[in-house]
Amino acid sequence: MSPNPTQTAPALAAPPLTLAAFLALPQSETALELINGQAIRKISPKRFHSRLTVAVYHLLSDHLGDQGEVAIEWAVSLQRQGQPWVPVPDLLYISAERLAPDWMEDTACPIAPELVIEIISPGQSFSQIAEKAGDYLTAGVDRVWIVESGAESITMLRQDNRWEVFRGDRAISDDLFPDLQLTVRQIFRRAGFGD
């Protein structure tokens, strides 16, 4: 029987990317995350997301910047389900104790930071980001803040499976950052929202 010329061969699945191959990819306009061996585009932030990112960055830098580094969309090299995982959190904080201030390589953050902040974008659900937060915590991140612009709230998740929701003028209290004096209202005002 001769082959049918209209049939096409099944598409071959691309082999999983290694961590080294992923980190060697050229930088693109859209951030990429390594998930299950595949380079996945991160959702492109919109205006509110962007304004909240900048507001949180400035406020955290004011409070924590002399103790470590606050960074926007810096990829982090972690492990998830036994595989390399390189997420790109909206923001992160890593202390000078975890990552020496003179470490100056232009690559993904090599150590789990103390804090990762994810801002929910349109098209994302709280449960999707909460699942990702669980992965961060399992990978060694101490705290994850989930920022919800619609609810004007921050949900803090901790290593010990406790979580807490902050709104309005209630201070974001955390023994990881005992000197932090910050409220959700301050963040949203700095971003140009709220009263």
Protein backbone atom coordinates (compact mmCIF):
# COMPACT_ATOMS: atom_id res chain seq x y z
CA MET A 1 0.00 0.00 0.00
CA SER A 2 1.45 3.36 -0.97
CA PRO A 3 1.43 6.28 1.45
CA ASN A 4 -1.37 8.80 1.11
CA PRO A 5 0.21 12.11 -0.03
CA THR A 6 -2.49 14.16 1.75
CA GLN A 7 -1.64 12.76 5.15
CA THR A 8 0.83 14.69 7.21
CA ALA A 9 3.11 13.31 9.83
CA PRO A 10 2.00 14.00 13.39
CA ALA A 11 3.68 17.06 14.88
CA LEU A 12 6.55 16.19 17.12
CA ALA A 13 6.41 17.66 20.56
CA ALA A 14 9.29 19.98 21.29
CA PRO A 15 11.68 18.48 23.80
CA PRO A 16 11.50 20.08 27.22
CA LEU A 17 13.80 23.05 27.71
CA THR A 18 16.55 22.64 30.25
CA LEU A 19 17.16 25.42 32.74
CA ALA A 20 20.39 26.33 30.91
CA ALA A 21 18.62 26.44 27.53
CA PHE A 22 15.81 28.57 28.96
CA LEU A 23 18.22 31.04 30.57
CA ALA A 24 20.14 31.25 27.26
CA LEU A 25 17.04 32.33 25.29
CA PRO A 26 17.27 35.86 23.91
CA GLN A 27 15.45 38.49 25.95
CA SER A 28 12.02 39.27 24.52
CA GLU A 29 9.57 42.13 24.93
CA THR A 30 7.21 39.83 26.81
CA ALA A 31 8.52 38.06 29.89
CA LEU A 32 8.80 34.28 29.59
CA GLU A 33 8.42 31.78 32.43
CA LEU A 34 9.80 28.22 32.43
CA ILE A 35 6.92 25.92 33.34
CA ASN A 36 7.10 22.14 32.88
CA GLY A 37 9.99 22.47 30.45
CA GLN A 38 8.21 24.99 28.22
CA ALA A 39 8.78 28.74 27.75
CA ILE A 40 5.39 30.33 28.51
CA ARG A 41 4.61 34.00 27.86
CA LYS A 42 3.56 35.94 30.94
CA ILE A 43 0.35 37.98 30.66
CA SER A 44 1.16 41.50 29.53
CA PRO A 45 0.28 43.95 32.33
CA LYS A 46 -2.31 46.65 31.77
CA ARG A 47 -2.43 50.17 33.24
CA PHE A 48 -3.82 49.42 36.73
CA HIS A 49 -1.44 46.49 37.12
CA SER A 50 1.48 48.66 36.07
CA ARG A 51 0.53 51.51 38.42
CA LEU A 52 0.19 49.11 41.36
CA THR A 53 3.55 47.53 40.54
CA VAL A 54 5.29 50.91 40.59
CA ALA A 55 3.52 51.99 43.79
CA VAL A 56 4.44 48.80 45.66
CA TYR A 57 8.01 49.01 44.35
CA HIS A 58 8.51 52.56 45.62
CA LEU A 59 6.86 51.98 48.99
CA LEU A 60 8.76 48.75 49.67
CA SER A 61 12.02 50.30 48.49
CA ASP A 62 11.46 53.17 50.93
CA HIS A 63 10.97 50.69 53.80
CA LEU A 64 13.23 47.76 52.88
CA GLY A 65 15.63 48.98 50.21
CA ASP A 66 18.58 49.43 52.56
CA GLN A 67 18.21 45.82 53.80
CA GLY A 68 18.12 44.12 50.41
CA GLU A 69 16.75 44.46 46.91
CA VAL A 70 13.22 45.11 45.69
CA ALA A 71 12.89 44.14 42.02
CA ILE A 72 10.23 44.30 39.32
CA GLU A 73 9.74 41.24 37.09
CA TRP A 74 13.03 39.56 37.95
CA ALA A 75 12.88 35.87 37.05
CA VAL A 76 13.63 33.44 39.89
CA SER A 77 15.25 30.04 39.42
CA LEU A 78 13.30 27.58 41.60
CA GLN A 79 12.12 23.96 41.61
CA ARG A 80 8.48 22.90 41.18
CA GLN A 81 7.39 19.27 41.31
CA GLY A 82 11.02 18.19 40.93
CA GLN A 83 11.58 20.22 37.76
CA PRO A 84 13.27 23.55 37.07
CA TRP A 85 10.74 26.37 37.35
CA VAL A 86 11.52 29.97 36.45
CA PRO A 87 8.56 32.20 37.26
CA VAL A 88 8.64 35.96 36.80
CA PRO A 89 6.87 37.50 39.80
CA ASP A 90 5.54 41.03 39.47
CA LEU A 91 7.81 42.04 42.34
CA LEU A 92 10.16 40.37 44.76
CA TYR A 93 12.23 41.28 47.78
CA ILE A 94 15.45 39.47 48.64
CA SER A 95 17.55 40.44 51.64
CA ALA A 96 21.25 41.16 51.56
CA GLU A 97 21.60 38.16 53.90
CA ARG A 98 20.26 35.79 51.20
CA LEU A 99 21.86 37.40 48.18
CA ALA A 100 25.03 39.43 48.65
CA PRO A 101 24.66 43.03 47.42
CA ASP A 102 27.79 42.63 45.27
CA TRP A 103 26.28 39.68 43.32
CA MET A 104 25.93 41.26 39.87
CA GLU A 105 25.17 38.52 37.36
CA ASP A 106 22.61 39.33 34.68
CA THR A 107 20.51 36.20 35.09
CA ALA A 108 17.55 34.88 37.05
CA CYS A 109 17.66 35.33 40.81
CA PRO A 110 19.44 32.15 41.97
CA ILE A 111 17.90 31.96 45.45
CA ALA A 112 14.32 31.92 46.70
CA PRO A 113 13.50 35.46 47.86
CA GLU A 114 11.80 36.24 51.15
CA LEU A 115 8.83 37.89 49.42
CA VAL A 116 7.10 37.50 46.07
CA ILE A 117 4.24 39.77 45.04
CA GLU A 118 1.75 38.86 42.34
CA ILE A 119 -0.87 41.34 41.13
CA ILE A 120 -3.96 39.75 39.65
CA SER A 121 -4.36 40.79 36.00
CA PRO A 122 -7.60 40.83 34.02
CA GLY A 123 -8.22 37.29 32.85
CA GLN A 124 -6.57 35.76 35.93
CA SER A 125 -8.48 34.41 38.89
CA PHE A 126 -7.54 34.52 42.55
CA SER A 127 -7.45 30.71 42.60
CA GLN A 128 -4.92 30.60 39.72
CA ILE A 129 -2.60 33.00 41.54
CA ALA A 130 -3.17 31.25 44.88
CA GLU A 131 -2.06 27.97 43.27
CA LYS A 132 1.07 29.70 41.97
CA ALA A 133 1.59 31.17 45.46
CA GLY A 134 1.51 27.65 46.88
CA ASP A 135 4.22 26.66 44.40
CA TYR A 136 6.33 29.64 45.49
CA LEU A 137 5.99 28.68 49.15
CA THR A 138 6.84 25.03 48.46
CA ALA A 139 9.94 26.23 46.54
CA GLY A 140 11.23 28.16 49.59
CA VAL A 141 9.73 31.65 49.29
CA ASP A 142 8.75 32.84 52.80
CA ARG A 143 5.80 35.09 51.90
CA VAL A 144 3.58 35.72 48.93
CA TRP A 145 1.36 38.77 48.62
CA ILE A 146 -1.54 38.59 46.18
CA VAL A 147 -2.77 42.07 45.25
CA GLU A 148 -6.37 42.40 44.03
CA SER A 149 -7.08 45.78 42.47
CA GLY A 150 -10.87 45.25 42.30
CA ALA A 151 -11.11 44.38 46.00
CA GLU A 152 -8.35 46.83 47.00
CA SER A 153 -6.83 44.10 49.14
CA ILE A 154 -3.64 42.17 49.73
CA THR A 155 -3.76 38.53 50.75
CA MET A 156 -0.57 37.40 52.49
CA LEU A 157 0.27 33.70 52.37
CA ARG A 158 2.94 32.23 54.66
CA GLN A 159 5.11 29.11 54.78
CA ASP A 160 3.08 27.73 57.71
CA ASN A 161 -0.10 27.69 55.53
CA ARG A 162 -1.57 30.69 57.33
CA TRP A 163 -3.01 33.48 55.27
CA GLU A 164 -4.31 36.92 56.08
CA VAL A 165 -6.23 39.59 54.14
CA PHE A 166 -5.37 43.26 54.53
CA ARG A 167 -7.60 46.16 53.46
CA GLY A 168 -7.88 49.88 54.06
CA ASP A 169 -5.82 51.37 56.89
CA ARG A 170 -4.96 48.08 58.56
CA ALA A 171 -1.17 47.86 58.77
CA ILE A 172 0.44 45.03 56.84
CA SER A 173 2.05 43.32 59.82
CA ASP A 174 4.59 40.58 59.36
CA ASP A 175 7.29 39.29 61.67
CA LEU A 176 9.48 38.83 58.59
CA PHE A 177 9.48 42.63 58.20
CA PRO A 178 8.99 43.97 61.76
CA ASP A 179 9.74 47.59 60.84
CA LEU A 180 7.42 47.72 57.84
CA GLN A 181 4.87 50.50 58.24
CA LEU A 182 2.56 50.15 55.27
CA THR A 183 -1.17 49.91 54.61
CA VAL A 184 -3.14 48.80 51.59
CA ARG A 185 -4.69 52.28 51.39
CA GLN A 186 -1.20 53.80 51.07
CA ILE A 187 -0.41 51.46 48.18
CA PHE A 188 -3.63 52.18 46.31
CA ARG A 189 -3.35 55.94 46.91
CA ARG A 190 0.24 55.89 45.63
CA ALA A 191 -1.06 54.11 42.52
CA GLY A 192 -3.70 56.84 42.07
CA PHE A 193 -6.72 54.80 43.19
CA GLY A 194 -9.07 55.13 46.12
CA ASP A 195 -9.94 58.18 48.16
